[in-house]
Amino acid sequence: MIIPVRCFTCGSLIGNKWEIYLEEVKKINEDVELSEEDKINKTIDLFENKLKLKRYCCRMILTCTVDMTEIII
């Protein structure tokens, strides 16, 4: 699957947030000092504050998308 440009449900632009999302999630997951609960809270803060995604549908699209171009090639 190619990274979607717009949310399938509401039509909001989410394609420009993909790279930021990947970088920030990688930083959160690599931090060994954080507990699992803290990682979840930081991810929620990432969606609300940095990416400005308020709707659940947009969050779902970003979290569930798998970049198949890396796997195929």
N, C-alpha and C. Protein backbone atom coordinates (compact mmCIF):
# COMPACT_ATOMS: atom_id res chain seq x y z
N MET A 1 0.84 -1.18 0.00
CA MET A 1 0.00 0.00 0.00
C MET A 1 0.88 1.23 0.00
N ILE A 2 0.55 2.15 -0.83
CA ILE A 2 1.24 3.43 -0.85
C ILE A 2 0.66 4.29 0.25
N ILE A 3 1.47 5.14 0.82
CA ILE A 3 1.03 6.01 1.90
C ILE A 3 -0.09 6.91 1.40
N PRO A 4 -1.26 6.90 2.08
CA PRO A 4 -2.38 7.70 1.60
C PRO A 4 -2.12 9.20 1.76
N VAL A 5 -2.57 9.96 0.78
CA VAL A 5 -2.41 11.41 0.82
C VAL A 5 -3.49 12.03 1.69
N ARG A 6 -4.69 11.49 1.59
CA ARG A 6 -5.82 12.00 2.36
C ARG A 6 -6.44 10.87 3.17
N CYS A 7 -7.09 11.25 4.26
CA CYS A 7 -7.82 10.30 5.09
C CYS A 7 -8.99 9.75 4.28
N PHE A 8 -9.19 8.43 4.35
CA PHE A 8 -10.25 7.81 3.58
C PHE A 8 -11.63 8.22 4.08
N THR A 9 -11.75 8.54 5.35
CA THR A 9 -13.05 8.84 5.94
C THR A 9 -13.44 10.31 5.84
N CYS A 10 -12.56 11.19 6.32
CA CYS A 10 -12.93 12.61 6.40
C CYS A 10 -12.30 13.46 5.30
N GLY A 11 -11.29 12.96 4.63
CA GLY A 11 -10.67 13.69 3.54
C GLY A 11 -9.59 14.68 3.96
N SER A 12 -9.18 14.66 5.21
CA SER A 12 -8.13 15.56 5.68
C SER A 12 -6.79 15.16 5.09
N LEU A 13 -5.92 16.13 4.88
CA LEU A 13 -4.59 15.89 4.35
C LEU A 13 -3.71 15.26 5.42
N ILE A 14 -3.20 14.06 5.17
CA ILE A 14 -2.33 13.39 6.14
C ILE A 14 -1.02 12.92 5.51
N GLY A 15 -0.89 13.03 4.22
CA GLY A 15 0.31 12.56 3.54
C GLY A 15 1.57 13.31 3.93
N ASN A 16 1.42 14.58 4.28
CA ASN A 16 2.58 15.38 4.65
C ASN A 16 3.05 15.10 6.08
N LYS A 17 2.31 14.34 6.83
CA LYS A 17 2.66 14.05 8.21
C LYS A 17 3.35 12.69 8.39
N TRP A 18 3.48 11.92 7.33
CA TRP A 18 4.01 10.56 7.40
C TRP A 18 5.45 10.53 7.89
N GLU A 19 6.33 11.32 7.29
CA GLU A 19 7.75 11.30 7.67
C GLU A 19 7.95 11.77 9.11
N ILE A 20 7.23 12.80 9.51
CA ILE A 20 7.33 13.30 10.88
C ILE A 20 6.87 12.22 11.86
N TYR A 21 5.78 11.55 11.52
CA TYR A 21 5.25 10.48 12.36
C TYR A 21 6.28 9.36 12.54
N LEU A 22 6.89 8.92 11.46
CA LEU A 22 7.87 7.83 11.54
C LEU A 22 9.08 8.21 12.39
N GLU A 23 9.58 9.42 12.20
CA GLU A 23 10.75 9.87 12.96
C GLU A 23 10.44 9.96 14.46
N GLU A 24 9.30 10.54 14.79
CA GLU A 24 8.95 10.71 16.20
C GLU A 24 8.66 9.39 16.89
N VAL A 25 7.98 8.48 16.21
CA VAL A 25 7.69 7.17 16.81
C VAL A 25 8.98 6.39 17.02
N LYS A 26 9.92 6.52 16.09
CA LYS A 26 11.21 5.85 16.25
C LYS A 26 11.94 6.39 17.48
N LYS A 27 11.91 7.71 17.68
CA LYS A 27 12.55 8.30 18.86
C LYS A 27 11.89 7.82 20.14
N ILE A 28 10.56 7.77 20.14
CA ILE A 28 9.84 7.34 21.33
C ILE A 28 10.16 5.88 21.65
N ASN A 29 10.18 5.02 20.66
CA ASN A 29 10.42 3.60 20.89
C ASN A 29 11.87 3.29 21.27
N GLU A 30 12.81 4.12 20.86
CA GLU A 30 14.21 3.89 21.19
C GLU A 30 14.59 4.38 22.58
N ASP A 31 13.73 5.17 23.20
CA ASP A 31 14.01 5.69 24.53
C ASP A 31 13.78 4.59 25.56
N VAL A 32 14.87 4.06 26.12
CA VAL A 32 14.77 2.92 27.03
C VAL A 32 14.32 3.33 28.43
N GLU A 33 14.38 4.59 28.75
CA GLU A 33 13.98 5.06 30.07
C GLU A 33 12.47 5.16 30.24
N LEU A 34 11.73 5.11 29.14
CA LEU A 34 10.28 5.26 29.21
C LEU A 34 9.61 3.91 29.43
N SER A 35 8.57 3.92 30.24
CA SER A 35 7.75 2.71 30.40
C SER A 35 6.78 2.64 29.22
N GLU A 36 6.08 1.51 29.12
CA GLU A 36 5.13 1.34 28.02
C GLU A 36 4.01 2.37 28.10
N GLU A 37 3.58 2.67 29.29
CA GLU A 37 2.52 3.66 29.49
C GLU A 37 2.98 5.05 29.05
N ASP A 38 4.22 5.39 29.38
CA ASP A 38 4.78 6.68 28.97
C ASP A 38 4.91 6.77 27.45
N LYS A 39 5.28 5.66 26.82
CA LYS A 39 5.39 5.65 25.35
C LYS A 39 4.03 5.89 24.71
N ILE A 40 2.99 5.28 25.27
CA ILE A 40 1.64 5.49 24.74
C ILE A 40 1.22 6.94 24.92
N ASN A 41 1.49 7.50 26.09
CA ASN A 41 1.13 8.90 26.34
C ASN A 41 1.88 9.86 25.43
N LYS A 42 3.16 9.59 25.17
CA LYS A 42 3.94 10.44 24.27
C LYS A 42 3.43 10.34 22.84
N THR A 43 2.99 9.15 22.43
CA THR A 43 2.45 8.98 21.09
C THR A 43 1.14 9.74 20.94
N ILE A 44 0.30 9.70 21.96
CA ILE A 44 -0.95 10.47 21.93
C ILE A 44 -0.65 11.96 21.86
N ASP A 45 0.32 12.42 22.63
CA ASP A 45 0.73 13.83 22.57
C ASP A 45 1.27 14.19 21.20
N LEU A 46 1.98 13.27 20.57
CA LEU A 46 2.51 13.50 19.22
C LEU A 46 1.37 13.76 18.25
N PHE A 47 0.32 12.94 18.31
CA PHE A 47 -0.81 13.12 17.42
C PHE A 47 -1.51 14.45 17.66
N GLU A 48 -1.72 14.80 18.93
CA GLU A 48 -2.49 15.99 19.23
C GLU A 48 -1.70 17.27 19.05
N ASN A 49 -0.46 17.30 19.48
CA ASN A 49 0.30 18.55 19.50
C ASN A 49 1.14 18.79 18.25
N LYS A 50 1.95 17.82 17.88
CA LYS A 50 2.87 18.05 16.77
C LYS A 50 2.21 17.84 15.41
N LEU A 51 1.41 16.78 15.28
CA LEU A 51 0.80 16.48 13.99
C LEU A 51 -0.56 17.15 13.81
N LYS A 52 -1.14 17.65 14.89
CA LYS A 52 -2.44 18.34 14.87
C LYS A 52 -3.55 17.45 14.31
N LEU A 53 -3.54 16.16 14.69
CA LEU A 53 -4.60 15.25 14.27
C LEU A 53 -5.56 15.03 15.43
N LYS A 54 -6.77 15.50 15.28
CA LYS A 54 -7.77 15.38 16.34
C LYS A 54 -8.71 14.21 16.11
N ARG A 55 -8.93 13.84 14.86
CA ARG A 55 -9.90 12.79 14.55
C ARG A 55 -9.27 11.41 14.64
N TYR A 56 -10.08 10.47 15.11
CA TYR A 56 -9.61 9.10 15.24
C TYR A 56 -9.36 8.44 13.89
N CYS A 57 -10.12 8.84 12.89
CA CYS A 57 -9.94 8.21 11.58
C CYS A 57 -8.56 8.53 11.01
N CYS A 58 -8.12 9.76 11.16
CA CYS A 58 -6.79 10.15 10.64
C CYS A 58 -5.68 9.45 11.42
N ARG A 59 -5.85 9.34 12.72
CA ARG A 59 -4.86 8.63 13.54
C ARG A 59 -4.77 7.17 13.13
N MET A 60 -5.93 6.56 12.87
CA MET A 60 -5.96 5.16 12.48
C MET A 60 -5.23 4.93 11.16
N ILE A 61 -5.44 5.84 10.19
CA ILE A 61 -4.79 5.69 8.89
C ILE A 61 -3.27 5.70 9.07
N LEU A 62 -2.74 6.64 9.87
CA LEU A 62 -1.29 6.72 10.06
C LEU A 62 -0.75 5.50 10.80
N THR A 63 -1.44 5.07 11.84
CA THR A 63 -0.89 3.97 12.63
C THR A 63 -1.01 2.63 11.94
N CYS A 64 -1.98 2.46 11.06
CA CYS A 64 -2.23 1.16 10.42
C CYS A 64 -1.60 1.03 9.04
N THR A 65 -1.03 2.08 8.50
CA THR A 65 -0.45 2.03 7.17
C THR A 65 0.91 1.35 7.21
N VAL A 66 1.10 0.41 6.30
CA VAL A 66 2.38 -0.27 6.15
C VAL A 66 2.93 0.11 4.78
N ASP A 67 4.14 0.64 4.74
CA ASP A 67 4.74 1.05 3.48
C ASP A 67 5.25 -0.20 2.74
N MET A 68 4.47 -0.63 1.78
CA MET A 68 4.78 -1.87 1.06
C MET A 68 5.93 -1.70 0.06
N THR A 69 6.28 -0.47 -0.31
CA THR A 69 7.37 -0.29 -1.25
C THR A 69 8.70 -0.78 -0.67
N GLU A 70 8.87 -0.66 0.62
CA GLU A 70 10.09 -1.16 1.26
C GLU A 70 10.14 -2.69 1.24
N ILE A 71 8.98 -3.32 1.37
CA ILE A 71 8.92 -4.77 1.43
C ILE A 71 9.07 -5.38 0.04
N ILE A 72 8.44 -4.78 -0.96
CA ILE A 72 8.44 -5.31 -2.32
C ILE A 72 9.80 -5.20 -2.98
N ILE A 73 10.47 -4.10 -2.78
CA ILE A 73 11.75 -3.85 -3.45
C ILE A 73 12.85 -4.52 -2.74
